[in-house]
């Protein structure tokens, strides 16, 4: 998985009104970590997640098989048109996180979490 550093997290939590691309990346990340869509959209809640001292370990130890299928689908939709290059123009820190989130979505897809029930 892509490396997200403590410095990246510090930079992201310092944002008071993050750009839309950054919000989407963080929303997708929070969904993949198992939080509800309502929580993922709430910037105050997301900042709380960014303040969690275990966040880097949660990212490092992500297991796709534990991810909720609906959350994985929503994260994939949020990240669909987002590239590292686009995000890097507004936040270098978020560009590291978008790589993590896209890799996590790919893992969810490999684990069968994005398949529609037949």
N, C-alpha and C. Protein backbone atom coordinates (compact mmCIF):
# COMPACT_ATOMS: atom_id res chain seq x y z
N UNK A 1 0.85 -1.19 0.00
CA UNK A 1 0.00 0.00 0.00
C UNK A 1 0.89 1.25 0.00
N UNK A 2 0.34 2.28 -0.57
CA UNK A 2 1.03 3.56 -0.63
C UNK A 2 1.26 4.08 0.79
N UNK A 3 2.38 4.73 0.97
CA UNK A 3 2.72 5.23 2.29
C UNK A 3 2.14 6.61 2.53
N UNK A 4 1.34 6.70 3.55
CA UNK A 4 0.81 7.98 4.02
C UNK A 4 1.59 8.29 5.29
N UNK A 5 2.16 9.49 5.35
CA UNK A 5 3.01 9.83 6.50
C UNK A 5 2.24 10.62 7.55
N UNK A 6 2.85 10.70 8.72
CA UNK A 6 2.29 11.51 9.80
C UNK A 6 2.19 12.97 9.35
N UNK A 7 3.18 13.41 8.59
CA UNK A 7 3.16 14.78 8.06
C UNK A 7 1.97 15.03 7.14
N UNK A 8 1.63 14.01 6.33
CA UNK A 8 0.45 14.14 5.45
C UNK A 8 -0.81 14.34 6.29
N UNK A 9 -0.93 13.53 7.35
CA UNK A 9 -2.11 13.62 8.22
C UNK A 9 -2.16 15.00 8.90
N UNK A 10 -1.03 15.48 9.38
CA UNK A 10 -0.97 16.79 10.03
C UNK A 10 -1.41 17.89 9.05
N UNK A 11 -0.92 17.80 7.81
CA UNK A 11 -1.29 18.79 6.80
C UNK A 11 -2.80 18.76 6.52
N UNK A 12 -3.36 17.56 6.41
CA UNK A 12 -4.78 17.42 6.10
C UNK A 12 -5.68 17.92 7.24
N UNK A 13 -5.31 17.61 8.47
CA UNK A 13 -6.18 18.04 9.58
C UNK A 13 -6.07 19.54 9.84
N UNK A 14 -5.05 20.19 9.30
CA UNK A 14 -4.91 21.64 9.45
C UNK A 14 -5.85 22.41 8.51
N UNK A 15 -6.41 21.73 7.53
CA UNK A 15 -7.31 22.38 6.58
C UNK A 15 -8.65 22.70 7.27
N UNK A 16 -9.05 23.95 7.18
CA UNK A 16 -10.33 24.33 7.79
C UNK A 16 -11.47 24.16 6.81
N UNK A 17 -11.19 24.39 5.55
CA UNK A 17 -12.20 24.22 4.50
C UNK A 17 -11.50 23.59 3.30
N UNK A 18 -11.34 22.27 3.32
CA UNK A 18 -10.56 21.62 2.27
C UNK A 18 -11.21 21.72 0.89
N UNK A 19 -10.39 21.73 -0.16
CA UNK A 19 -10.92 21.72 -1.52
C UNK A 19 -11.79 20.48 -1.75
N UNK A 20 -12.69 20.56 -2.69
CA UNK A 20 -13.64 19.48 -2.96
C UNK A 20 -12.93 18.15 -3.21
N UNK A 21 -11.87 18.16 -4.01
CA UNK A 21 -11.15 16.90 -4.28
C UNK A 21 -10.63 16.27 -3.00
N UNK A 22 -10.12 17.09 -2.10
CA UNK A 22 -9.60 16.60 -0.83
C UNK A 22 -10.74 16.02 0.00
N UNK A 23 -11.88 16.70 0.01
CA UNK A 23 -13.04 16.20 0.74
C UNK A 23 -13.45 14.82 0.22
N UNK A 24 -13.48 14.65 -1.10
CA UNK A 24 -13.85 13.37 -1.69
C UNK A 24 -12.88 12.26 -1.29
N UNK A 25 -11.60 12.58 -1.32
CA UNK A 25 -10.57 11.59 -0.95
C UNK A 25 -10.74 11.19 0.52
N UNK A 26 -10.94 12.16 1.37
CA UNK A 26 -11.11 11.88 2.80
C UNK A 26 -12.41 11.14 3.07
N UNK A 27 -13.47 11.52 2.36
CA UNK A 27 -14.75 10.82 2.52
C UNK A 27 -14.60 9.35 2.14
N UNK A 28 -13.96 9.09 1.01
CA UNK A 28 -13.74 7.71 0.57
C UNK A 28 -12.90 6.95 1.58
N UNK A 29 -11.88 7.59 2.11
CA UNK A 29 -11.00 6.94 3.09
C UNK A 29 -11.78 6.56 4.35
N UNK A 30 -12.57 7.49 4.85
CA UNK A 30 -13.35 7.24 6.06
C UNK A 30 -14.37 6.12 5.84
N UNK A 31 -14.98 6.09 4.66
CA UNK A 31 -15.90 4.99 4.33
C UNK A 31 -15.17 3.65 4.34
N UNK A 32 -14.01 3.61 3.72
CA UNK A 32 -13.24 2.36 3.64
C UNK A 32 -12.80 1.88 5.02
N UNK A 33 -12.64 2.82 5.94
CA UNK A 33 -12.24 2.46 7.31
C UNK A 33 -13.43 2.00 8.16
N UNK A 34 -14.62 1.99 7.56
CA UNK A 34 -15.76 1.41 8.25
C UNK A 34 -16.74 2.38 8.88
N UNK A 35 -16.62 3.65 8.57
CA UNK A 35 -17.54 4.63 9.13
C UNK A 35 -18.73 4.85 8.19
N UNK A 36 -19.79 5.40 8.73
CA UNK A 36 -21.02 5.57 7.96
C UNK A 36 -20.88 6.70 6.94
N UNK A 37 -21.73 6.69 5.90
CA UNK A 37 -21.71 7.79 4.93
C UNK A 37 -21.96 9.16 5.57
N UNK A 38 -22.86 9.21 6.56
CA UNK A 38 -23.12 10.48 7.24
C UNK A 38 -21.87 10.98 7.96
N UNK A 39 -21.17 10.07 8.63
CA UNK A 39 -19.93 10.46 9.32
C UNK A 39 -18.87 10.88 8.31
N UNK A 40 -18.77 10.16 7.20
CA UNK A 40 -17.75 10.45 6.19
C UNK A 40 -17.94 11.82 5.55
N UNK A 41 -19.18 12.31 5.51
CA UNK A 41 -19.46 13.63 4.92
C UNK A 41 -19.27 14.77 5.93
N UNK A 42 -19.16 14.44 7.19
CA UNK A 42 -19.08 15.44 8.25
C UNK A 42 -17.61 15.82 8.50
N UNK A 43 -17.23 17.05 8.09
CA UNK A 43 -15.83 17.46 8.19
C UNK A 43 -15.32 17.43 9.63
N UNK A 44 -16.18 17.79 10.58
CA UNK A 44 -15.76 17.76 11.99
C UNK A 44 -15.43 16.31 12.40
N UNK A 45 -16.25 15.36 11.97
CA UNK A 45 -15.99 13.96 12.27
C UNK A 45 -14.70 13.49 11.59
N UNK A 46 -14.52 13.87 10.32
CA UNK A 46 -13.31 13.48 9.57
C UNK A 46 -12.07 14.03 10.26
N UNK A 47 -12.13 15.26 10.73
CA UNK A 47 -10.98 15.83 11.45
C UNK A 47 -10.68 15.04 12.71
N UNK A 48 -11.74 14.54 13.36
CA UNK A 48 -11.54 13.68 14.52
C UNK A 48 -10.80 12.41 14.15
N UNK A 49 -11.15 11.84 13.01
CA UNK A 49 -10.44 10.65 12.51
C UNK A 49 -8.97 10.99 12.24
N UNK A 50 -8.75 12.15 11.64
CA UNK A 50 -7.37 12.58 11.35
C UNK A 50 -6.57 12.80 12.63
N UNK A 51 -7.24 13.09 13.74
CA UNK A 51 -6.58 13.27 15.03
C UNK A 51 -6.36 11.96 15.78
N UNK A 52 -6.93 10.88 15.28
CA UNK A 52 -6.80 9.57 15.93
C UNK A 52 -5.36 9.07 15.79
N UNK A 53 -4.67 8.85 16.91
CA UNK A 53 -3.27 8.42 16.83
C UNK A 53 -3.10 7.04 16.19
N UNK A 54 -4.18 6.28 16.04
CA UNK A 54 -4.07 4.95 15.43
C UNK A 54 -4.36 4.98 13.93
N UNK A 55 -4.62 6.16 13.36
CA UNK A 55 -5.01 6.24 11.95
C UNK A 55 -3.98 5.61 11.01
N UNK A 56 -2.73 5.94 11.18
CA UNK A 56 -1.71 5.39 10.27
C UNK A 56 -1.69 3.86 10.34
N UNK A 57 -1.85 3.31 11.54
CA UNK A 57 -1.91 1.85 11.67
C UNK A 57 -3.16 1.29 11.01
N UNK A 58 -4.28 2.00 11.12
CA UNK A 58 -5.50 1.55 10.46
C UNK A 58 -5.31 1.49 8.95
N UNK A 59 -4.65 2.49 8.40
CA UNK A 59 -4.38 2.51 6.97
C UNK A 59 -3.44 1.38 6.58
N UNK A 60 -2.39 1.22 7.36
CA UNK A 60 -1.38 0.20 7.09
C UNK A 60 -1.97 -1.21 7.19
N UNK A 61 -2.88 -1.41 8.12
CA UNK A 61 -3.42 -2.75 8.38
C UNK A 61 -4.80 -2.96 7.77
N UNK A 62 -5.15 -2.20 6.76
CA UNK A 62 -6.45 -2.33 6.11
C UNK A 62 -6.61 -3.72 5.51
N UNK A 63 -7.78 -4.32 5.75
CA UNK A 63 -8.09 -5.64 5.19
C UNK A 63 -9.41 -5.53 4.43
N UNK A 64 -9.35 -5.73 3.14
CA UNK A 64 -10.52 -5.56 2.27
C UNK A 64 -11.67 -6.47 2.68
N UNK A 65 -11.36 -7.65 3.19
CA UNK A 65 -12.44 -8.58 3.56
C UNK A 65 -13.29 -8.04 4.71
N UNK A 66 -12.79 -7.05 5.45
CA UNK A 66 -13.57 -6.46 6.54
C UNK A 66 -14.38 -5.24 6.09
N UNK A 67 -14.22 -4.84 4.86
CA UNK A 67 -14.86 -3.63 4.36
C UNK A 67 -16.31 -3.91 3.96
N UNK A 68 -17.20 -3.01 4.33
CA UNK A 68 -18.60 -3.11 3.96
C UNK A 68 -18.73 -2.90 2.44
N UNK A 69 -19.45 -3.79 1.74
CA UNK A 69 -19.58 -3.67 0.28
C UNK A 69 -20.17 -2.33 -0.18
N UNK A 70 -21.18 -1.83 0.53
CA UNK A 70 -21.78 -0.55 0.14
C UNK A 70 -20.79 0.60 0.31
N UNK A 71 -20.00 0.55 1.36
CA UNK A 71 -18.99 1.58 1.59
C UNK A 71 -17.92 1.53 0.49
N UNK A 72 -17.53 0.32 0.12
CA UNK A 72 -16.52 0.16 -0.94
C UNK A 72 -17.05 0.71 -2.27
N UNK A 73 -18.32 0.44 -2.57
CA UNK A 73 -18.93 0.95 -3.81
C UNK A 73 -18.98 2.48 -3.81
N UNK A 74 -19.39 3.04 -2.67
CA UNK A 74 -19.48 4.50 -2.57
C UNK A 74 -18.09 5.13 -2.69
N UNK A 75 -17.09 4.52 -2.06
CA UNK A 75 -15.71 5.03 -2.15
C UNK A 75 -15.24 4.99 -3.60
N UNK A 76 -15.54 3.91 -4.29
CA UNK A 76 -15.13 3.79 -5.70
C UNK A 76 -15.78 4.89 -6.53
N UNK A 77 -17.07 5.16 -6.29
CA UNK A 77 -17.76 6.23 -7.01
C UNK A 77 -17.11 7.59 -6.74
N UNK A 78 -16.79 7.85 -5.48
CA UNK A 78 -16.17 9.13 -5.11
C UNK A 78 -14.83 9.33 -5.79
N UNK A 79 -14.09 8.25 -5.96
CA UNK A 79 -12.72 8.34 -6.49
C UNK A 79 -12.63 8.15 -8.00
N UNK A 80 -13.76 7.85 -8.63
CA UNK A 80 -13.77 7.46 -10.03
C UNK A 80 -13.01 8.41 -10.96
N UNK A 81 -13.26 9.69 -10.86
CA UNK A 81 -12.64 10.66 -11.77
C UNK A 81 -11.46 11.40 -11.13
N UNK A 82 -11.02 10.92 -10.00
CA UNK A 82 -9.94 11.59 -9.28
C UNK A 82 -8.62 10.87 -9.57
N UNK A 83 -7.61 11.67 -9.92
CA UNK A 83 -6.27 11.11 -10.14
C UNK A 83 -5.31 11.73 -9.14
N UNK A 84 -4.20 11.07 -8.95
CA UNK A 84 -3.16 11.61 -8.07
C UNK A 84 -2.73 12.99 -8.55
N UNK A 85 -2.59 13.15 -9.86
CA UNK A 85 -2.14 14.41 -10.44
C UNK A 85 -3.11 15.55 -10.12
N UNK A 86 -4.42 15.29 -10.27
CA UNK A 86 -5.42 16.32 -9.97
C UNK A 86 -5.37 16.72 -8.50
N UNK A 87 -5.27 15.72 -7.63
CA UNK A 87 -5.27 16.00 -6.19
C UNK A 87 -3.98 16.70 -5.78
N UNK A 88 -2.88 16.31 -6.38
CA UNK A 88 -1.58 16.90 -6.03
C UNK A 88 -1.56 18.41 -6.28
N UNK A 89 -2.35 18.86 -7.26
CA UNK A 89 -2.42 20.30 -7.54
C UNK A 89 -3.02 21.09 -6.39
N UNK A 90 -3.87 20.43 -5.58
CA UNK A 90 -4.49 21.13 -4.46
C UNK A 90 -3.93 20.70 -3.10
N UNK A 91 -3.36 19.48 -3.03
CA UNK A 91 -2.80 19.00 -1.76
C UNK A 91 -1.90 17.80 -1.99
N UNK A 92 -0.61 17.99 -1.73
CA UNK A 92 0.34 16.87 -1.86
C UNK A 92 -0.02 15.76 -0.88
N UNK A 93 -0.42 16.14 0.33
CA UNK A 93 -0.76 15.15 1.35
C UNK A 93 -1.95 14.30 0.90
N UNK A 94 -2.95 14.94 0.33
CA UNK A 94 -4.13 14.19 -0.12
C UNK A 94 -3.78 13.30 -1.30
N UNK A 95 -2.75 13.65 -2.07
CA UNK A 95 -2.37 12.79 -3.20
C UNK A 95 -1.84 11.44 -2.71
N UNK A 96 -1.20 11.43 -1.55
CA UNK A 96 -0.76 10.17 -0.97
C UNK A 96 -1.96 9.34 -0.52
N UNK A 97 -2.94 10.02 0.05
CA UNK A 97 -4.13 9.34 0.55
C UNK A 97 -5.00 8.82 -0.60
N UNK A 98 -5.04 9.54 -1.72
CA UNK A 98 -5.84 9.05 -2.85
C UNK A 98 -5.24 7.76 -3.37
N UNK A 99 -3.94 7.65 -3.37
CA UNK A 99 -3.29 6.40 -3.78
C UNK A 99 -3.67 5.26 -2.85
N UNK A 100 -3.64 5.54 -1.54
CA UNK A 100 -4.04 4.51 -0.58
C UNK A 100 -5.48 4.09 -0.83
N UNK A 101 -6.38 5.07 -0.97
CA UNK A 101 -7.80 4.78 -1.13
C UNK A 101 -8.07 3.99 -2.41
N UNK A 102 -7.42 4.37 -3.50
CA UNK A 102 -7.62 3.64 -4.77
C UNK A 102 -7.09 2.21 -4.66
N UNK A 103 -5.96 2.04 -4.00
CA UNK A 103 -5.43 0.69 -3.77
C UNK A 103 -6.39 -0.12 -2.89
N UNK A 104 -6.96 0.53 -1.88
CA UNK A 104 -7.90 -0.15 -0.99
C UNK A 104 -9.16 -0.57 -1.76
N UNK A 105 -9.64 0.29 -2.64
CA UNK A 105 -10.81 -0.05 -3.47
C UNK A 105 -10.46 -1.23 -4.38
N UNK A 106 -9.26 -1.21 -4.95
CA UNK A 106 -8.83 -2.34 -5.80
C UNK A 106 -8.80 -3.64 -5.00
N UNK A 107 -8.32 -3.56 -3.76
CA UNK A 107 -8.31 -4.75 -2.89
C UNK A 107 -9.73 -5.23 -2.61
N UNK A 108 -10.64 -4.28 -2.38
CA UNK A 108 -12.04 -4.64 -2.15
C UNK A 108 -12.62 -5.33 -3.39
N UNK A 109 -12.27 -4.81 -4.54
CA UNK A 109 -12.75 -5.41 -5.79
C UNK A 109 -12.21 -6.84 -5.93
N UNK A 110 -10.94 -7.02 -5.64
CA UNK A 110 -10.33 -8.36 -5.70
C UNK A 110 -10.96 -9.31 -4.69
N UNK A 111 -11.41 -8.77 -3.56
CA UNK A 111 -12.03 -9.60 -2.52
C UNK A 111 -13.51 -9.84 -2.80
N UNK A 112 -14.01 -9.32 -3.95
CA UNK A 112 -15.40 -9.54 -4.31
C UNK A 112 -16.38 -8.62 -3.63
N UNK A 113 -15.90 -7.55 -3.03
CA UNK A 113 -16.78 -6.63 -2.29
C UNK A 113 -17.59 -5.71 -3.19
N UNK A 114 -17.21 -5.59 -4.47
CA UNK A 114 -17.89 -4.66 -5.35
C UNK A 114 -18.84 -5.35 -6.33
N UNK A 115 -18.98 -6.65 -6.18
CA UNK A 115 -19.87 -7.40 -7.06
C UNK A 115 -21.32 -7.17 -6.66
N UNK A 116 -22.19 -7.04 -7.66
CA UNK A 116 -23.61 -6.95 -7.38
C UNK A 116 -24.13 -8.34 -7.07
N UNK A 117 -24.94 -8.46 -6.02
CA UNK A 117 -25.49 -9.79 -5.70
C UNK A 117 -26.38 -10.27 -6.84
N UNK A 118 -26.23 -11.53 -7.20
CA UNK A 118 -27.01 -12.07 -8.32
C UNK A 118 -28.18 -12.88 -7.81
